[in-house]
């Protein structure tokens, strides 16, 4: 489950970025963050801008509604989605991530813990 946080201007969504990927895509969930891949290189803000654009398209928002608020140089980022409540953003995210994909990830984590 993505750990969304209410904000005075909308909702903050944690993102785990994978720059330099083959294609731009929402990959699923990891440790409470939305996993996204972008083909842009992590230099001079190119990857951050690509993530911003990908999130806007995937979440059905304008690009101006999505703002990077933390993690400019990190893979772990937080974006503010202005004008969208937590419940509405949760609904939109559920449409992006297939339920079986989330279940498979949870099963893998459980299996890894058992092996240790």
PDB file of N, CA and C in Angstrom:
ATOM      1  N   UNK A   1       0.830  -1.175   0.000  1.00  0.00           N
ATOM      2  CA  UNK A   1       0.000   0.000   0.000  1.00  0.00           C
ATOM      3  C   UNK A   1       0.885   1.253   0.000  1.00  0.00           C
ATOM      4  N   UNK A   2       0.565   2.189  -0.851  1.00  0.00           N
ATOM      5  CA  UNK A   2       1.316   3.440  -0.937  1.00  0.00           C
ATOM      6  C   UNK A   2       0.972   4.307   0.280  1.00  0.00           C
ATOM      7  N   UNK A   3       1.971   4.862   0.941  1.00  0.00           N
ATOM      8  CA  UNK A   3       1.781   5.683   2.135  1.00  0.00           C
ATOM      9  C   UNK A   3       1.540   7.141   1.756  1.00  0.00           C
ATOM     10  N   UNK A   4       0.292   7.466   1.453  1.00  0.00           N
ATOM     11  CA  UNK A   4      -0.061   8.831   1.081  1.00  0.00           C
ATOM     12  C   UNK A   4      -0.229   9.680   2.327  1.00  0.00           C
ATOM     13  N   UNK A   5       0.103  10.969   2.221  1.00  0.00           N
ATOM     14  CA  UNK A   5       0.004  11.892   3.339  1.00  0.00           C
ATOM     15  C   UNK A   5      -0.816  13.104   2.928  1.00  0.00           C
ATOM     16  N   UNK A   6      -1.796  13.446   3.761  1.00  0.00           N
ATOM     17  CA  UNK A   6      -2.601  14.638   3.497  1.00  0.00           C
ATOM     18  C   UNK A   6      -1.727  15.878   3.665  1.00  0.00           C
ATOM     19  N   UNK A   7      -1.988  16.868   2.836  1.00  0.00           N
ATOM     20  CA  UNK A   7      -1.255  18.136   2.851  1.00  0.00           C
ATOM     21  C   UNK A   7      -2.294  19.239   2.671  1.00  0.00           C
ATOM     22  N   UNK A   8      -1.999  20.429   3.152  1.00  0.00           N
ATOM     23  CA  UNK A   8      -2.940  21.542   3.039  1.00  0.00           C
ATOM     24  C   UNK A   8      -3.335  21.832   1.597  1.00  0.00           C
ATOM     25  N   UNK A   9      -2.444  21.537   0.657  1.00  0.00           N
ATOM     26  CA  UNK A   9      -2.706  21.833  -0.754  1.00  0.00           C
ATOM     27  C   UNK A   9      -3.115  20.610  -1.573  1.00  0.00           C
ATOM     28  N   UNK A  10      -3.113  19.416  -0.965  1.00  0.00           N
ATOM     29  CA  UNK A  10      -3.460  18.205  -1.709  1.00  0.00           C
ATOM     30  C   UNK A  10      -2.965  16.971  -0.995  1.00  0.00           C
ATOM     31  N   UNK A  11      -2.181  16.146  -1.686  1.00  0.00           N
ATOM     32  CA  UNK A  11      -1.678  14.893  -1.131  1.00  0.00           C
ATOM     33  C   UNK A  11      -0.215  14.696  -1.532  1.00  0.00           C
ATOM     34  N   UNK A  12       0.586  14.217  -0.580  1.00  0.00           N
ATOM     35  CA  UNK A  12       1.987  13.915  -0.849  1.00  0.00           C
ATOM     36  C   UNK A  12       2.097  12.409  -1.107  1.00  0.00           C
ATOM     37  N   UNK A  13       2.772  12.068  -2.207  1.00  0.00           N
ATOM     38  CA  UNK A  13       2.959  10.672  -2.591  1.00  0.00           C
ATOM     39  C   UNK A  13       4.450  10.347  -2.624  1.00  0.00           C
ATOM     40  N   UNK A  14       4.870   9.309  -1.886  1.00  0.00           N
ATOM     41  CA  UNK A  14       6.276   8.895  -1.950  1.00  0.00           C
ATOM     42  C   UNK A  14       6.526   8.112  -3.232  1.00  0.00           C
ATOM     43  N   UNK A  15       7.683   8.342  -3.827  1.00  0.00           N
ATOM     44  CA  UNK A  15       8.030   7.715  -5.105  1.00  0.00           C
ATOM     45  C   UNK A  15       9.428   7.119  -5.012  1.00  0.00           C
ATOM     46  N   UNK A  16       9.579   5.915  -5.519  1.00  0.00           N
ATOM     47  CA  UNK A  16      10.890   5.264  -5.658  1.00  0.00           C
ATOM     48  C   UNK A  16      11.231   5.325  -7.139  1.00  0.00           C
ATOM     49  N   UNK A  17      12.254   6.106  -7.489  1.00  0.00           N
ATOM     50  CA  UNK A  17      12.589   6.373  -8.889  1.00  0.00           C
ATOM     51  C   UNK A  17      13.630   5.415  -9.432  1.00  0.00           C
ATOM     52  N   UNK A  18      13.469   5.071 -10.699  1.00  0.00           N
ATOM     53  CA  UNK A  18      14.459   4.277 -11.426  1.00  0.00           C
ATOM     54  C   UNK A  18      14.778   5.024 -12.722  1.00  0.00           C
ATOM     55  N   UNK A  19      15.748   5.937 -12.679  1.00  0.00           N
ATOM     56  CA  UNK A  19      16.115   6.678 -13.889  1.00  0.00           C
ATOM     57  C   UNK A  19      16.934   5.811 -14.837  1.00  0.00           C
ATOM     58  N   UNK A  20      16.988   6.206 -16.090  1.00  0.00           N
ATOM     59  CA  UNK A  20      17.785   5.496 -17.077  1.00  0.00           C
ATOM     60  C   UNK A  20      17.178   4.168 -17.510  1.00  0.00           C
ATOM     61  N   UNK A  21      15.880   3.999 -17.323  1.00  0.00           N
ATOM     62  CA  UNK A  21      15.203   2.751 -17.714  1.00  0.00           C
ATOM     63  C   UNK A  21      14.959   2.733 -19.225  1.00  0.00           C
ATOM     64  N   UNK A  22      14.526   1.605 -19.733  1.00  0.00           N
ATOM     65  CA  UNK A  22      14.227   1.500 -21.164  1.00  0.00           C
ATOM     66  C   UNK A  22      13.008   2.311 -21.564  1.00  0.00           C
ATOM     67  N   UNK A  23      12.000   2.342 -20.673  1.00  0.00           N
ATOM     68  CA  UNK A  23      10.784   3.090 -20.985  1.00  0.00           C
ATOM     69  C   UNK A  23      10.210   3.700 -19.717  1.00  0.00           C
ATOM     70  N   UNK A  24       9.345   4.682 -19.895  1.00  0.00           N
ATOM     71  CA  UNK A  24       8.680   5.315 -18.776  1.00  0.00           C
ATOM     72  C   UNK A  24       7.474   4.475 -18.380  1.00  0.00           C
ATOM     73  N   UNK A  25       7.383   4.156 -17.075  1.00  0.00           N
ATOM     74  CA  UNK A  25       6.271   3.327 -16.623  1.00  0.00           C
ATOM     75  C   UNK A  25       6.118   3.384 -15.112  1.00  0.00           C
ATOM     76  N   UNK A  26       4.883   3.146 -14.662  1.00  0.00           N
ATOM     77  CA  UNK A  26       4.617   2.921 -13.249  1.00  0.00           C
ATOM     78  C   UNK A  26       4.788   1.420 -13.044  1.00  0.00           C
ATOM     79  N   UNK A  27       5.679   1.035 -12.123  1.00  0.00           N
ATOM     80  CA  UNK A  27       6.046  -0.364 -11.956  1.00  0.00           C
ATOM     81  C   UNK A  27       5.312  -1.079 -10.825  1.00  0.00           C
ATOM     82  N   UNK A  28       4.772  -0.324  -9.884  1.00  0.00           N
ATOM     83  CA  UNK A  28       4.096  -0.947  -8.757  1.00  0.00           C
ATOM     84  C   UNK A  28       4.422  -0.231  -7.465  1.00  0.00           C
ATOM     85  N   UNK A  29       4.481  -1.000  -6.374  1.00  0.00           N
ATOM     86  CA  UNK A  29       4.710  -0.452  -5.045  1.00  0.00           C
ATOM     87  C   UNK A  29       5.938  -1.098  -4.434  1.00  0.00           C
ATOM     88  N   UNK A  30       6.679  -0.327  -3.653  1.00  0.00           N
ATOM     89  CA  UNK A  30       7.831  -0.866  -2.935  1.00  0.00           C
ATOM     90  C   UNK A  30       8.021  -0.087  -1.648  1.00  0.00           C
ATOM     91  N   UNK A  31       7.951  -0.786  -0.532  1.00  0.00           N
ATOM     92  CA  UNK A  31       8.157  -0.181   0.792  1.00  0.00           C
ATOM     93  C   UNK A  31       7.316   1.074   1.001  1.00  0.00           C
ATOM     94  N   UNK A  32       6.068   1.039   0.591  1.00  0.00           N
ATOM     95  CA  UNK A  32       5.165   2.159   0.806  1.00  0.00           C
ATOM     96  C   UNK A  32       5.284   3.282  -0.202  1.00  0.00           C
ATOM     97  N   UNK A  33       6.094   3.097  -1.237  1.00  0.00           N
ATOM     98  CA  UNK A  33       6.282   4.129  -2.260  1.00  0.00           C
ATOM     99  C   UNK A  33       5.851   3.605  -3.629  1.00  0.00           C
ATOM    100  N   UNK A  34       5.436   4.505  -4.487  1.00  0.00           N
ATOM    101  CA  UNK A  34       5.085   4.162  -5.855  1.00  0.00           C
ATOM    102  C   UNK A  34       6.379   4.023  -6.649  1.00  0.00           C
ATOM    103  N   UNK A  35       6.594   2.872  -7.275  1.00  0.00           N
ATOM    104  CA  UNK A  35       7.796   2.645  -8.093  1.00  0.00           C
ATOM    105  C   UNK A  35       7.539   3.148  -9.502  1.00  0.00           C
ATOM    106  N   UNK A  36       8.433   4.002  -9.977  1.00  0.00           N
ATOM    107  CA  UNK A  36       8.328   4.504 -11.347  1.00  0.00           C
ATOM    108  C   UNK A  36       9.683   4.397 -12.037  1.00  0.00           C
ATOM    109  N   UNK A  37       9.631   4.152 -13.336  1.00  0.00           N
ATOM    110  CA  UNK A  37      10.842   4.093 -14.146  1.00  0.00           C
ATOM    111  C   UNK A  37      10.727   5.143 -15.240  1.00  0.00           C
ATOM    112  N   UNK A  38      11.830   5.848 -15.483  1.00  0.00           N
ATOM    113  CA  UNK A  38      11.868   6.840 -16.565  1.00  0.00           C
ATOM    114  C   UNK A  38      13.154   6.650 -17.362  1.00  0.00           C
ATOM    115  N   UNK A  39      13.066   6.928 -18.640  1.00  0.00           N
ATOM    116  CA  UNK A  39      14.237   6.750 -19.502  1.00  0.00           C
ATOM    117  C   UNK A  39      15.238   7.898 -19.373  1.00  0.00           C
ATOM    118  N   UNK A  40      14.826   9.009 -18.831  1.00  0.00           N
ATOM    119  CA  UNK A  40      15.714  10.169 -18.684  1.00  0.00           C
ATOM    120  C   UNK A  40      16.841   9.875 -17.702  1.00  0.00           C
ATOM    121  N   UNK A  41      17.989  10.451 -17.982  1.00  0.00           N
ATOM    122  CA  UNK A  41      19.159  10.287 -17.114  1.00  0.00           C
ATOM    123  C   UNK A  41      19.012  11.163 -15.869  1.00  0.00           C
ATOM    124  N   UNK A  42      19.605  10.726 -14.749  1.00  0.00           N
ATOM    125  CA  UNK A  42      19.519  11.505 -13.520  1.00  0.00           C
ATOM    126  C   UNK A  42      20.530  12.650 -13.482  1.00  0.00           C
ATOM    127  N   UNK A  43      20.402  13.574 -14.411  1.00  0.00           N
ATOM    128  CA  UNK A  43      21.320  14.713 -14.456  1.00  0.00           C
ATOM    129  C   UNK A  43      20.546  15.983 -14.776  1.00  0.00           C
ATOM    130  N   UNK A  44      20.921  17.053 -14.086  1.00  0.00           N
ATOM    131  CA  UNK A  44      20.313  18.375 -14.294  1.00  0.00           C
ATOM    132  C   UNK A  44      18.788  18.356 -14.225  1.00  0.00           C
ATOM    133  N   UNK A  45      18.226  17.492 -13.383  1.00  0.00           N
ATOM    134  CA  UNK A  45      16.785  17.476 -13.165  1.00  0.00           C
ATOM    135  C   UNK A  45      15.961  16.825 -14.259  1.00  0.00           C
ATOM    136  N   UNK A  46      16.624  16.208 -15.235  1.00  0.00           N
ATOM    137  CA  UNK A  46      15.884  15.593 -16.343  1.00  0.00           C
ATOM    138  C   UNK A  46      14.987  14.457 -15.868  1.00  0.00           C
ATOM    139  N   UNK A  47      15.512  13.597 -15.007  1.00  0.00           N
ATOM    140  CA  UNK A  47      14.720  12.470 -14.509  1.00  0.00           C
ATOM    141  C   UNK A  47      13.555  12.971 -13.650  1.00  0.00           C
ATOM    142  N   UNK A  48      13.806  13.980 -12.817  1.00  0.00           N
ATOM    143  CA  UNK A  48      12.732  14.521 -11.980  1.00  0.00           C
ATOM    144  C   UNK A  48      11.596  15.079 -12.832  1.00  0.00           C
ATOM    145  N   UNK A  49      11.939  15.780 -13.889  1.00  0.00           N
ATOM    146  CA  UNK A  49      10.925  16.326 -14.785  1.00  0.00           C
ATOM    147  C   UNK A  49      10.157  15.202 -15.494  1.00  0.00           C
ATOM    148  N   UNK A  50      10.866  14.147 -15.882  1.00  0.00           N
ATOM    149  CA  UNK A  50      10.213  13.008 -16.537  1.00  0.00           C
ATOM    150  C   UNK A  50       9.264  12.303 -15.567  1.00  0.00           C
ATOM    151  N   UNK A  51       9.675  12.181 -14.310  1.00  0.00           N
ATOM    152  CA  UNK A  51       8.805  11.564 -13.295  1.00  0.00           C
ATOM    153  C   UNK A  51       7.575  12.424 -13.077  1.00  0.00           C
ATOM    154  N   UNK A  52       7.777  13.734 -12.992  1.00  0.00           N
ATOM    155  CA  UNK A  52       6.659  14.664 -12.815  1.00  0.00           C
ATOM    156  C   UNK A  52       5.648  14.498 -13.951  1.00  0.00           C
ATOM    157  N   UNK A  53       6.129  14.429 -15.171  1.00  0.00           N
ATOM    158  CA  UNK A  53       5.254  14.265 -16.333  1.00  0.00           C
ATOM    159  C   UNK A  53       4.553  12.905 -16.307  1.00  0.00           C
ATOM    160  N   UNK A  54       5.286  11.849 -15.976  1.00  0.00           N
ATOM    161  CA  UNK A  54       4.707  10.510 -15.904  1.00  0.00           C
ATOM    162  C   UNK A  54       3.610  10.449 -14.849  1.00  0.00           C
ATOM    163  N   UNK A  55       3.878  11.021 -13.662  1.00  0.00           N
ATOM    164  CA  UNK A  55       2.871  11.023 -12.594  1.00  0.00           C
ATOM    165  C   UNK A  55       1.622  11.791 -13.016  1.00  0.00           C
ATOM    166  N   UNK A  56       1.813  12.942 -13.636  1.00  0.00           N
ATOM    167  CA  UNK A  56       0.667  13.746 -14.074  1.00  0.00           C
ATOM    168  C   UNK A  56      -0.201  12.954 -15.051  1.00  0.00           C
ATOM    169  N   UNK A  57       0.435  12.318 -16.024  1.00  0.00           N
ATOM    170  CA  UNK A  57      -0.320  11.529 -17.005  1.00  0.00           C
ATOM    171  C   UNK A  57      -1.003  10.330 -16.356  1.00  0.00           C
ATOM    172  N   UNK A  58      -0.264   9.600 -15.524  1.00  0.00           N
ATOM    173  CA  UNK A  58      -0.791   8.384 -14.909  1.00  0.00           C
ATOM    174  C   UNK A  58      -1.919   8.672 -13.922  1.00  0.00           C
ATOM    175  N   UNK A  59      -1.818   9.798 -13.217  1.00  0.00           N
ATOM    176  CA  UNK A  59      -2.810  10.129 -12.195  1.00  0.00           C
ATOM    177  C   UNK A  59      -3.933  11.016 -12.721  1.00  0.00           C
ATOM    178  N   UNK A  60      -3.875  11.363 -13.991  1.00  0.00           N
ATOM    179  CA  UNK A  60      -4.930  12.185 -14.583  1.00  0.00           C
ATOM    180  C   UNK A  60      -4.940  13.612 -14.080  1.00  0.00           C
ATOM    181  N   UNK A  61      -3.761  14.193 -13.921  1.00  0.00           N
ATOM    182  CA  UNK A  61      -3.610  15.575 -13.434  1.00  0.00           C
ATOM    183  C   UNK A  61      -2.899  16.416 -14.483  1.00  0.00           C
ATOM    184  N   UNK A  62      -2.912  17.711 -14.252  1.00  0.00           N
ATOM    185  CA  UNK A  62      -2.073  18.605 -15.046  1.00  0.00           C
ATOM    186  C   UNK A  62      -0.660  18.527 -14.478  1.00  0.00           C
ATOM    187  N   UNK A  63       0.313  18.748 -15.331  1.00  0.00           N
ATOM    188  CA  UNK A  63       1.701  18.707 -14.873  1.00  0.00           C
ATOM    189  C   UNK A  63       1.955  19.757 -13.791  1.00  0.00           C
ATOM    190  N   UNK A  64       1.264  20.877 -13.862  1.00  0.00           N
ATOM    191  CA  UNK A  64       1.443  21.940 -12.870  1.00  0.00           C
ATOM    192  C   UNK A  64       0.910  21.551 -11.489  1.00  0.00           C
ATOM    193  N   UNK A  65       0.103  20.504 -11.411  1.00  0.00           N
ATOM    194  CA  UNK A  65      -0.420  20.036 -10.122  1.00  0.00           C
ATOM    195  C   UNK A  65       0.558  19.121  -9.397  1.00  0.00           C
ATOM    196  N   UNK A  66       1.581  18.637 -10.081  1.00  0.00           N
ATOM    197  CA  UNK A  66       2.536  17.694  -9.501  1.00  0.00           C
ATOM    198  C   UNK A  66       3.861  18.423  -9.276  1.00  0.00           C
ATOM    199  N   UNK A  67       4.288  18.472  -8.006  1.00  0.00           N
ATOM    200  CA  UNK A  67       5.485  19.214  -7.638  1.00  0.00           C
ATOM    201  C   UNK A  67       6.402  18.352  -6.780  1.00  0.00           C
ATOM    202  N   UNK A  68       7.675  18.327  -7.104  1.00  0.00           N
ATOM    203  CA  UNK A  68       8.662  17.623  -6.297  1.00  0.00           C
ATOM    204  C   UNK A  68       8.918  18.434  -5.029  1.00  0.00           C
ATOM    205  N   UNK A  69       8.708  17.824  -3.861  1.00  0.00           N
ATOM    206  CA  UNK A  69       8.897  18.553  -2.605  1.00  0.00           C
ATOM    207  C   UNK A  69      10.074  18.026  -1.784  1.00  0.00           C
ATOM    208  N   UNK A  70      10.558  16.829  -2.127  1.00  0.00           N
ATOM    209  CA  UNK A  70      11.688  16.258  -1.383  1.00  0.00           C
ATOM    210  C   UNK A  70      12.393  15.220  -2.239  1.00  0.00           C
ATOM    211  N   UNK A  71      13.719  15.153  -2.134  1.00  0.00           N
ATOM    212  CA  UNK A  71      14.491  14.115  -2.800  1.00  0.00           C
ATOM    213  C   UNK A  71      14.989  14.481  -4.186  1.00  0.00           C
ATOM    214  N   UNK A  72      15.375  15.719  -4.386  1.00  0.00           N
ATOM    215  CA  UNK A  72      15.828  16.164  -5.711  1.00  0.00           C
ATOM    216  C   UNK A  72      16.954  15.312  -6.273  1.00  0.00           C
ATOM    217  N   UNK A  73      17.856  14.835  -5.417  1.00  0.00           N
ATOM    218  CA  UNK A  73      19.000  14.052  -5.899  1.00  0.00           C
ATOM    219  C   UNK A  73      18.977  12.604  -5.399  1.00  0.00           C
ATOM    220  N   UNK A  74      17.866  12.174  -4.867  1.00  0.00           N
ATOM    221  CA  UNK A  74      17.736  10.830  -4.321  1.00  0.00           C
ATOM    222  C   UNK A  74      16.754   9.998  -5.142  1.00  0.00           C
ATOM    223  N   UNK A  75      16.854   8.681  -5.027  1.00  0.00           N
ATOM    224  CA  UNK A  75      15.854   7.811  -5.666  1.00  0.00           C
ATOM    225  C   UNK A  75      14.542   7.860  -4.895  1.00  0.00           C
ATOM    226  N   UNK A  76      14.628   8.137  -3.591  1.00  0.00           N
ATOM    227  CA  UNK A  76      13.440   8.251  -2.740  1.00  0.00           C
ATOM    228  C   UNK A  76      12.960   9.696  -2.801  1.00  0.00           C
ATOM    229  N   UNK A  77      11.787   9.910  -3.366  1.00  0.00           N
ATOM    230  CA  UNK A  77      11.274  11.257  -3.585  1.00  0.00           C
ATOM    231  C   UNK A  77       9.877  11.399  -3.013  1.00  0.00           C
ATOM    232  N   UNK A  78       9.447  12.633  -2.841  1.00  0.00           N
ATOM    233  CA  UNK A  78       8.062  12.922  -2.444  1.00  0.00           C
ATOM    234  C   UNK A  78       7.536  14.001  -3.374  1.00  0.00           C
ATOM    235  N   UNK A  79       6.373  13.721  -3.944  1.00  0.00           N
ATOM    236  CA  UNK A  79       5.709  14.668  -4.830  1.00  0.00           C
ATOM    237  C   UNK A  79       4.392  15.103  -4.215  1.00  0.00           C
ATOM    238  N   UNK A  80       4.094  16.387  -4.325  1.00  0.00           N
ATOM    239  CA  UNK A  80       2.804  16.926  -3.901  1.00  0.00           C
ATOM    240  C   UNK A  80       1.896  16.959  -5.112  1.00  0.00           C
ATOM    241  N   UNK A  81       0.727  16.346  -4.973  1.00  0.00           N
ATOM    242  CA  UNK A  81      -0.292  16.403  -6.015  1.00  0.00           C
ATOM    243  C   UNK A  81      -1.343  17.380  -5.514  1.00  0.00           C
ATOM    244  N   UNK A  82      -1.328  18.601  -6.032  1.00  0.00           N
ATOM    245  CA  UNK A  82      -2.201  19.674  -5.566  1.00  0.00           C
ATOM    246  C   UNK A  82      -3.638  19.465  -6.020  1.00  0.00           C
ATOM    247  N   UNK A  83      -4.564  19.771  -5.108  1.00  0.00           N
ATOM    248  CA  UNK A  83      -5.978  19.739  -5.453  1.00  0.00           C
ATOM    249  C   UNK A  83      -6.596  18.354  -5.514  1.00  0.00           C
ATOM    250  N   UNK A  84      -5.882  17.328  -5.046  1.00  0.00           N
ATOM    251  CA  UNK A  84      -6.414  15.968  -5.054  1.00  0.00           C
ATOM    252  C   UNK A  84      -6.337  15.410  -3.632  1.00  0.00           C
ATOM    253  N   UNK A  85      -7.492  14.992  -3.093  1.00  0.00           N
ATOM    254  CA  UNK A  85      -7.565  14.455  -1.735  1.00  0.00           C
ATOM    255  C   UNK A  85      -6.949  13.056  -1.681  1.00  0.00           C
ATOM    256  N   UNK A  86      -6.576  12.631  -0.477  1.00  0.00           N
ATOM    257  CA  UNK A  86      -5.944  11.333  -0.273  1.00  0.00           C
ATOM    258  C   UNK A  86      -6.810  10.205  -0.833  1.00  0.00           C
ATOM    259  N   UNK A  87      -8.100  10.215  -0.520  1.00  0.00           N
ATOM    260  CA  UNK A  87      -8.998   9.137  -0.954  1.00  0.00           C
ATOM    261  C   UNK A  87      -9.070   9.056  -2.483  1.00  0.00           C
ATOM    262  N   UNK A  88      -9.137  10.202  -3.126  1.00  0.00           N
ATOM    263  CA  UNK A  88      -9.205  10.233  -4.584  1.00  0.00           C
ATOM    264  C   UNK A  88      -7.899   9.732  -5.205  1.00  0.00           C
ATOM    265  N   UNK A  89      -6.779  10.125  -4.628  1.00  0.00           N
ATOM    266  CA  UNK A  89      -5.485   9.680  -5.147  1.00  0.00           C
ATOM    267  C   UNK A  89      -5.317   8.168  -4.944  1.00  0.00           C
ATOM    268  N   UNK A  90      -5.773   7.649  -3.813  1.00  0.00           N
ATOM    269  CA  UNK A  90      -5.738   6.205  -3.578  1.00  0.00           C
ATOM    270  C   UNK A  90      -6.518   5.476  -4.666  1.00  0.00           C
ATOM    271  N   UNK A  91      -7.686   5.988  -5.012  1.00  0.00           N
ATOM    272  CA  UNK A  91      -8.517   5.372  -6.043  1.00  0.00           C
ATOM    273  C   UNK A  91      -7.794   5.370  -7.390  1.00  0.00           C
ATOM    274  N   UNK A  92      -7.179   6.486  -7.727  1.00  0.00           N
ATOM    275  CA  UNK A  92      -6.450   6.588  -8.997  1.00  0.00           C
ATOM    276  C   UNK A  92      -5.255   5.642  -9.034  1.00  0.00           C
ATOM    277  N   UNK A  93      -4.552   5.512  -7.923  1.00  0.00           N
ATOM    278  CA  UNK A  93      -3.386   4.627  -7.855  1.00  0.00           C
ATOM    279  C   UNK A  93      -3.814   3.173  -7.975  1.00  0.00           C
ATOM    280  N   UNK A  94      -4.923   2.812  -7.337  1.00  0.00           N
ATOM    281  CA  UNK A  94      -5.424   1.433  -7.454  1.00  0.00           C
ATOM    282  C   UNK A  94      -5.662   1.052  -8.908  1.00  0.00           C
ATOM    283  N   UNK A  95      -6.064   2.022  -9.716  1.00  0.00           N
ATOM    284  CA  UNK A  95      -6.270   1.760 -11.134  1.00  0.00           C
ATOM    285  C   UNK A  95      -4.967   1.566 -11.903  1.00  0.00           C
ATOM    286  N   UNK A  96      -3.860   2.036 -11.347  1.00  0.00           N
ATOM    287  CA  UNK A  96      -2.553   1.924 -12.009  1.00  0.00           C
ATOM    288  C   UNK A  96      -1.842   0.615 -11.709  1.00  0.00           C
ATOM    289  N   UNK A  97      -2.026   0.126 -10.478  1.00  0.00           N
ATOM    290  CA  UNK A  97      -1.281  -1.043 -10.023  1.00  0.00           C
ATOM    291  C   UNK A  97      -2.231  -2.233  -9.943  1.00  0.00           C
ATOM    292  N   UNK A  98      -2.016  -3.237 -10.766  1.00  0.00           N
ATOM    293  CA  UNK A  98      -2.859  -4.431 -10.688  1.00  0.00           C
ATOM    294  C   UNK A  98      -2.750  -5.071  -9.307  1.00  0.00           C
ATOM    295  N   UNK A  99      -3.871  -5.496  -8.754  1.00  0.00           N
ATOM    296  CA  UNK A  99      -3.908  -6.081  -7.410  1.00  0.00           C
ATOM    297  C   UNK A  99      -3.017  -7.316  -7.308  1.00  0.00           C
ATOM    298  N   UNK A 100      -2.979  -8.133  -8.350  1.00  0.00           N
ATOM    299  CA  UNK A 100      -2.149  -9.338  -8.311  1.00  0.00           C
ATOM    300  C   UNK A 100      -0.664  -8.996  -8.260  1.00  0.00           C
ATOM    301  N   UNK A 101      -0.263  -7.872  -8.847  1.00  0.00           N
ATOM    302  CA  UNK A 101       1.131  -7.442  -8.795  1.00  0.00           C
ATOM    303  C   UNK A 101       1.518  -7.091  -7.368  1.00  0.00           C
ATOM    304  N   UNK A 102       0.636  -6.369  -6.656  1.00  0.00           N
ATOM    305  CA  UNK A 102       0.881  -6.003  -5.265  1.00  0.00           C
ATOM    306  C   UNK A 102       0.937  -7.256  -4.402  1.00  0.00           C
ATOM    307  N   UNK A 103       0.042  -8.217  -4.650  1.00  0.00           N
ATOM    308  CA  UNK A 103       0.022  -9.464  -3.886  1.00  0.00           C
ATOM    309  C   UNK A 103       1.299 -10.269  -4.126  1.00  0.00           C
ATOM    310  N   UNK A 104       1.774 -10.312  -5.373  1.00  0.00           N
ATOM    311  CA  UNK A 104       2.998 -11.046  -5.685  1.00  0.00           C
ATOM    312  C   UNK A 104       4.186 -10.451  -4.938  1.00  0.00           C
ATOM    313  N   UNK A 105       4.249  -9.130  -4.873  1.00  0.00           N
ATOM    314  CA  UNK A 105       5.356  -8.467  -4.170  1.00  0.00           C
ATOM    315  C   UNK A 105       5.320  -8.832  -2.688  1.00  0.00           C
ATOM    316  N   UNK A 106       4.133  -8.834  -2.087  1.00  0.00           N
ATOM    317  CA  UNK A 106       3.999  -9.177  -0.675  1.00  0.00           C
ATOM    318  C   UNK A 106       4.417 -10.627  -0.430  1.00  0.00           C
ATOM    319  N   UNK A 107       4.051 -11.521  -1.337  1.00  0.00           N
ATOM    320  CA  UNK A 107       4.429 -12.928  -1.199  1.00  0.00           C
ATOM    321  C   UNK A 107       5.945 -13.104  -1.278  1.00  0.00           C
ATOM    322  N   UNK A 108       6.601 -12.389  -2.188  1.00  0.00           N
ATOM    323  CA  UNK A 108       8.060 -12.478  -2.319  1.00  0.00           C
ATOM    324  C   UNK A 108       8.746 -12.010  -1.051  1.00  0.00           C
ATOM    325  N   UNK A 109       8.261 -10.927  -0.461  1.00  0.00           N
ATOM    326  CA  UNK A 109       8.863 -10.413   0.770  1.00  0.00           C
ATOM    327  C   UNK A 109       8.725 -11.427   1.896  1.00  0.00           C
ATOM    328  N   UNK A 110       7.555 -12.053   1.993  1.00  0.00           N
ATOM    329  CA  UNK A 110       7.328 -13.062   3.024  1.00  0.00           C
ATOM    330  C   UNK A 110       8.264 -14.242   2.821  1.00  0.00           C
ATOM    331  N   UNK A 111       8.412 -14.683   1.577  1.00  0.00           N
ATOM    332  CA  UNK A 111       9.292 -15.802   1.249  1.00  0.00           C
ATOM    333  C   UNK A 111      10.751 -15.474   1.581  1.00  0.00           C
ATOM    334  N   UNK A 112      11.185 -14.251   1.298  1.00  0.00           N
ATOM    335  CA  UNK A 112      12.549 -13.846   1.601  1.00  0.00           C
ATOM    336  C   UNK A 112      12.812 -13.848   3.103  1.00  0.00           C
ATOM    337  N   UNK A 113      11.825 -13.427   3.875  1.00  0.00           N
ATOM    338  CA  UNK A 113      11.979 -13.415   5.330  1.00  0.00           C
ATOM    339  C   UNK A 113      12.093 -14.834   5.876  1.00  0.00           C
ATOM    340  N   UNK A 114      11.349 -15.765   5.282  1.00  0.00           N
ATOM    341  CA  UNK A 114      11.397 -17.160   5.723  1.00  0.00           C
ATOM    342  C   UNK A 114      12.771 -17.768   5.461  1.00  0.00           C
ATOM    343  N   UNK A 115      13.412 -17.392   4.356  1.00  0.00           N
ATOM    344  CA  UNK A 115      14.713 -17.944   3.996  1.00  0.00           C
ATOM    345  C   UNK A 115      15.811 -17.483   4.933  1.00  0.00           C
ATOM    346  N   UNK A 116      15.636 -16.327   5.531  1.00  0.00           N
ATOM    347  CA  UNK A 116      16.670 -15.776   6.436  1.00  0.00           C
ATOM    348  C   UNK A 116      16.624 -16.466   7.728  1.00  0.00           C
TER     349      UNK A 116
END
